Amino acid sequence: MIYFMSSSENLNKFGAVILSAGKGTRLGCVDCPKVMLSIGGKPIVSYIVETLKKIGFSKEQIILVVGFKQEKVREYFGDSVSFVVQEEQKGTAHAAYVGMKQLPENISQALILNGDDTAFYKENTVIDFIDSHLKSNAVLSLLSVELSDPSLYGRILRHQDGRMEIIEKEYLTEEQKQIKEVSTGTFCFDRQWFEKMFPTMPPLRKLGEFGLPTALAMANKEGLLAQVVKIRDNAEWFGVNTPGELEMADHLSKIKQSRK
């Protein structure tokens, strides 16, 4: 069933790339990837896959980028989605590029999602974000969230001329630290632009990896249209990076299931 607000024709332009290759070092993952940790009796990543399926995405339109203990992910999903392997852990932008290259040729737009923080996204949130991206004609759309305590994250800086940028937390001024808006890591990209741009993307300072936030800087550098869209319900974005957060996500998912 397709819930896409404009038309199935719009949905057919899109592919979804779910970043699922991370090890989950901070959570002490040894025998399974982070996205396969259980909340509410199911793997974290399974929730966003279910949401995409309900919207109307086909298995060819859903690419899971796998790496560490990939057999666990493949075994769970079987042939209900498509897979591609990120052979080397070179950052989120590299993973997005690897996944994007795997999408069918007719797909012109790519939705990039993290497999470990999107479990609570509602269908309408994804639909509205996609629709906003298409209507804007932007090469890049970023979904943002406002946090009561954003101290662990970089901030989104909105300039008066309409430009936006992501400032890493290590480089924030005291004034910028007061900003509550941060990136969810969920992006929509014009596929042709991203695939052409990525090979020219500089690596992140210190890490040597290629990060998705740099794509926003690249769009700004080229003078191209990029937009940041705030998520309506801040509670929908929930990062799982610590045992405490995993426990909370499990608790919240059980509450949501009990209300159905």
Protein backbone atom coordinates (compact mmCIF):
# COMPACT_ATOMS: atom_id res chain seq x y z
CA MET A 1 0.00 0.00 0.00
CA ILE A 2 1.39 3.42 -0.96
CA TYR A 3 0.78 6.31 1.44
CA PHE A 4 2.96 8.74 -0.50
CA MET A 5 1.15 12.07 -0.42
CA SER A 6 1.83 13.19 -4.00
CA SER A 7 1.87 10.08 -6.16
CA SER A 8 3.47 6.70 -6.59
CA GLU A 9 5.41 8.31 -9.44
CA ASN A 10 7.26 10.43 -6.87
CA LEU A 11 8.00 7.40 -4.72
CA ASN A 12 9.43 5.59 -7.72
CA LYS A 13 12.09 8.31 -7.99
CA PHE A 14 13.41 7.45 -4.53
CA GLY A 15 15.68 4.83 -3.07
CA ALA A 16 16.46 4.42 0.63
CA VAL A 17 19.98 3.67 1.83
CA ILE A 18 20.17 2.47 5.44
CA LEU A 19 23.60 2.65 7.06
CA SER A 20 23.98 -0.64 8.92
CA ALA A 21 27.68 -1.48 8.84
CA GLY A 22 28.74 -0.11 12.24
CA LYS A 23 30.16 -2.30 14.95
CA GLY A 24 28.77 -0.50 17.99
CA THR A 25 32.04 -0.31 19.91
CA ARG A 26 30.62 1.87 22.70
CA LEU A 27 27.89 -0.71 23.28
CA GLY A 28 30.40 -3.56 23.43
CA CYS A 29 28.97 -5.39 20.41
CA VAL A 30 30.98 -8.55 19.79
CA ASP A 31 28.84 -11.02 17.87
CA CYS A 32 26.31 -8.77 16.12
CA PRO A 33 26.26 -5.33 14.46
CA LYS A 34 24.84 -2.42 16.42
CA VAL A 35 21.69 -2.20 14.28
CA MET A 36 20.78 -5.78 15.20
CA LEU A 37 20.59 -5.08 18.93
CA SER A 38 17.08 -5.79 20.14
CA ILE A 39 14.50 -3.24 21.26
CA GLY A 40 10.93 -4.33 21.83
CA GLY A 41 11.88 -7.86 20.80
CA LYS A 42 13.13 -6.87 17.32
CA PRO A 43 16.36 -5.48 15.83
CA ILE A 44 16.62 -1.68 15.93
CA VAL A 45 16.96 -1.45 12.15
CA SER A 46 13.87 -3.56 11.50
CA TYR A 47 11.58 -0.70 12.53
CA ILE A 48 12.69 1.71 9.81
CA VAL A 49 12.59 -1.08 7.22
CA GLU A 50 8.97 -1.81 8.24
CA THR A 51 8.14 1.91 7.99
CA LEU A 52 9.59 2.15 4.47
CA LYS A 53 7.68 -0.96 3.40
CA LYS A 54 4.42 0.52 4.70
CA ILE A 55 5.07 3.70 2.73
CA GLY A 56 5.49 1.60 -0.40
CA PHE A 57 9.22 1.12 -0.94
CA SER A 58 10.05 -2.13 -2.74
CA LYS A 59 12.97 -4.39 -1.83
CA GLU A 60 14.93 -2.98 -4.80
CA GLN A 61 14.44 0.52 -3.35
CA ILE A 62 15.76 -0.40 0.11
CA ILE A 63 19.53 -0.88 0.34
CA LEU A 64 21.12 -1.94 3.62
CA VAL A 65 24.82 -1.09 3.72
CA VAL A 66 26.36 -3.87 5.79
CA GLY A 67 29.83 -4.67 7.08
CA PHE A 68 30.60 -6.00 10.56
CA LYS A 69 28.89 -9.40 11.11
CA GLN A 70 26.83 -8.79 7.99
CA GLU A 71 25.54 -12.36 7.99
CA LYS A 72 23.34 -11.50 10.99
CA VAL A 73 21.59 -8.75 9.01
CA ARG A 74 21.26 -10.88 5.87
CA GLU A 75 19.86 -13.80 7.84
CA TYR A 76 17.17 -11.67 9.48
CA PHE A 77 15.94 -9.83 6.38
CA GLY A 78 16.51 -12.52 3.76
CA ASP A 79 15.42 -11.33 0.32
CA SER A 80 12.99 -8.69 1.63
CA VAL A 81 15.57 -5.92 1.06
CA SER A 82 18.75 -5.40 -0.98
CA PHE A 83 22.28 -5.38 0.40
CA VAL A 84 25.68 -3.93 -0.40
CA VAL A 85 28.92 -4.37 1.57
CA GLN A 86 31.01 -1.47 2.79
CA GLU A 87 34.36 -3.25 2.66
CA GLU A 88 36.21 -0.53 4.58
CA GLN A 89 34.80 1.69 7.30
CA LYS A 90 35.43 5.07 5.67
CA GLY A 91 32.63 7.08 7.24
CA THR A 92 28.96 7.84 6.69
CA ALA A 93 29.36 9.65 3.36
CA HIS A 94 31.35 6.75 1.96
CA ALA A 95 28.68 4.29 3.16
CA ALA A 96 25.98 6.44 1.54
CA TYR A 97 27.95 6.50 -1.72
CA VAL A 98 28.42 2.72 -1.71
CA GLY A 99 24.70 2.22 -1.07
CA MET A 100 23.62 4.81 -3.63
CA LYS A 101 25.64 3.15 -6.39
CA GLN A 102 23.66 -0.03 -5.74
CA LEU A 103 20.26 1.58 -6.40
CA PRO A 104 18.45 0.88 -9.69
CA GLU A 105 19.44 3.27 -12.50
CA ASN A 106 15.97 4.85 -12.77
CA ILE A 107 16.14 6.21 -9.21
CA SER A 108 17.14 9.88 -9.16
CA GLN A 109 16.81 10.71 -5.43
CA ALA A 110 18.25 8.98 -2.37
CA LEU A 111 17.02 8.97 1.21
CA ILE A 112 19.89 8.23 3.59
CA LEU A 113 19.04 6.88 7.04
CA ASN A 114 21.02 5.59 10.01
CA GLY A 115 19.91 2.13 11.05
CA ASP A 116 20.44 2.86 14.75
CA ASP A 117 18.47 6.06 15.42
CA THR A 118 15.38 5.90 13.18
CA ALA A 119 13.31 3.22 14.92
CA PHE A 120 10.63 5.68 16.04
CA TYR A 121 10.21 7.60 12.76
CA LYS A 122 6.55 7.81 11.76
CA GLU A 123 5.46 7.18 8.19
CA ASN A 124 4.26 10.76 7.75
CA THR A 125 7.61 12.10 8.95
CA VAL A 126 9.44 10.23 6.18
CA ILE A 127 6.78 11.08 3.58
CA ASP A 128 6.75 14.79 4.44
CA PHE A 129 10.56 14.97 4.38
CA ILE A 130 10.72 13.31 0.95
CA ASP A 131 7.96 15.53 -0.36
CA SER A 132 9.66 18.68 0.93
CA HIS A 133 12.89 17.63 -0.78
CA LEU A 134 11.17 17.15 -4.13
CA LYS A 135 9.25 20.42 -3.93
CA SER A 136 12.35 22.43 -3.00
CA ASN A 137 14.50 21.22 -5.93
CA ALA A 138 17.40 21.16 -3.46
CA VAL A 139 20.41 18.93 -4.11
CA LEU A 140 20.44 18.18 -0.38
CA SER A 141 17.82 18.16 2.36
CA LEU A 142 18.71 17.46 5.99
CA LEU A 143 16.29 16.48 8.73
CA SER A 144 17.08 18.24 12.00
CA VAL A 145 15.91 17.89 15.59
CA GLU A 146 15.92 20.19 18.63
CA LEU A 147 17.36 18.64 21.78
CA SER A 148 17.03 19.89 25.33
CA ASP A 149 20.67 18.85 25.87
CA PRO A 150 22.58 18.96 22.57
CA SER A 151 26.03 19.01 24.24
CA LEU A 152 27.16 15.74 22.61
CA TYR A 153 26.49 16.97 19.08
CA GLY A 154 27.51 19.59 16.57
CA ARG A 155 24.95 22.34 15.85
CA ILE A 156 23.12 23.59 12.80
CA LEU A 157 23.93 27.22 12.17
CA ARG A 158 21.37 29.16 10.12
CA HIS A 159 22.82 32.29 8.50
CA GLN A 160 20.78 35.38 7.69
CA ASP A 161 21.43 34.93 3.96
CA GLY A 162 19.70 31.55 4.08
CA ARG A 163 22.85 29.41 4.13
CA MET A 164 23.12 26.67 6.70
CA GLU A 165 26.08 24.76 8.03
CA ILE A 166 26.90 22.11 10.59
CA ILE A 167 29.51 23.14 13.16
CA GLU A 168 31.32 20.26 14.86
CA LYS A 169 30.97 20.38 18.64
CA GLU A 170 34.74 20.78 19.09
CA TYR A 171 34.66 24.08 17.18
CA LEU A 172 31.56 25.72 18.69
CA THR A 173 31.79 29.23 20.15
CA GLU A 174 30.11 29.91 23.48
CA GLU A 175 27.26 31.61 21.61
CA GLN A 176 26.83 28.67 19.21
CA LYS A 177 26.67 26.25 22.15
CA GLN A 178 23.28 27.78 22.99
CA ILE A 179 21.82 26.43 19.72
CA LYS A 180 19.55 23.43 20.29
CA GLU A 181 19.14 22.31 16.66
CA VAL A 182 21.27 19.34 15.57
CA SER A 183 21.44 16.99 12.61
CA THR A 184 19.57 13.68 12.75
CA GLY A 185 21.90 12.26 10.11
CA THR A 186 18.89 11.67 7.84
CA PHE A 187 19.40 13.22 4.39
CA CYS A 188 17.77 13.36 0.96
CA PHE A 189 20.14 13.82 -1.96
CA ASP A 190 19.90 14.42 -5.65
CA ARG A 191 21.64 11.22 -6.67
CA GLN A 192 23.46 12.57 -9.72
CA TRP A 193 24.89 15.48 -7.71
CA PHE A 194 26.04 13.32 -4.79
CA GLU A 195 27.69 10.66 -6.94
CA LYS A 196 29.56 13.34 -8.88
CA MET A 197 30.47 15.33 -5.75
CA PHE A 198 31.63 12.51 -3.45
CA PRO A 199 34.95 11.72 -5.17
CA THR A 200 35.96 15.36 -4.55
CA MET A 201 34.87 15.43 -0.89
CA PRO A 202 37.68 16.11 1.61
CA PRO A 203 38.00 13.74 4.61
CA LEU A 204 37.07 14.89 8.10
CA ARG A 205 39.78 16.48 10.18
CA LYS A 206 41.57 14.04 12.51
CA LEU A 207 39.40 11.04 11.59
CA GLY A 208 40.35 10.69 7.94
CA GLU A 209 36.82 9.46 7.19
CA PHE A 210 34.18 10.99 4.92
CA GLY A 211 31.20 12.38 6.83
CA LEU A 212 27.76 13.27 5.52
CA PRO A 213 27.79 16.74 7.15
CA THR A 214 30.58 17.67 4.71
CA ALA A 215 28.06 17.30 1.87
CA LEU A 216 26.26 20.39 3.16
CA ALA A 217 29.52 22.35 3.04
CA MET A 218 30.11 21.09 -0.50
CA ALA A 219 26.66 22.25 -1.62
CA ASN A 220 27.31 25.66 -0.05
CA LYS A 221 30.70 25.87 -1.79
CA GLU A 222 29.05 25.18 -5.16
CA GLY A 223 26.32 27.74 -4.47
CA LEU A 224 23.63 25.08 -4.78
CA LEU A 225 20.31 24.95 -2.96
CA ALA A 226 20.29 22.95 0.28
CA GLN A 227 17.66 22.97 3.00
CA VAL A 228 17.24 21.89 6.61
CA VAL A 229 13.83 20.60 7.67
CA LYS A 230 12.95 20.33 11.37
CA ILE A 231 11.30 17.13 12.53
CA ARG A 232 7.90 17.93 14.06
CA ASP A 233 8.13 15.53 16.99
CA ASN A 234 11.58 15.60 18.58
CA ALA A 235 10.90 12.30 20.35
CA GLU A 236 10.91 10.42 17.02
CA TRP A 237 14.69 10.68 16.73
CA PHE A 238 16.40 8.49 19.30
CA GLY A 239 20.11 7.73 19.12
CA VAL A 240 21.31 4.51 20.73
CA ASN A 241 24.94 4.92 21.76
CA THR A 242 25.08 3.74 25.37
CA PRO A 243 23.66 0.81 27.36
CA GLY A 244 21.32 3.30 29.07
CA GLU A 245 19.99 4.56 25.75
CA LEU A 246 19.50 0.99 24.52
CA GLU A 247 17.51 0.21 27.65
CA MET A 248 15.40 3.35 27.21
CA ALA A 249 14.75 2.58 23.52
CA ASP A 250 13.65 -0.92 24.49
CA HIS A 251 11.30 0.52 27.12
CA LEU A 252 9.82 3.08 24.69
CA SER A 253 9.28 0.51 21.94
CA LYS A 254 7.39 -1.76 24.34
CA ILE A 255 5.18 1.15 25.39
CA LYS A 256 4.39 1.96 21.73
CA GLN A 257 3.59 -1.68 21.01
CA SER A 258 1.23 -1.90 23.99
CA ARG A 259 -0.74 1.10 22.65
CA LYS A 260 -1.39 -0.50 19.26
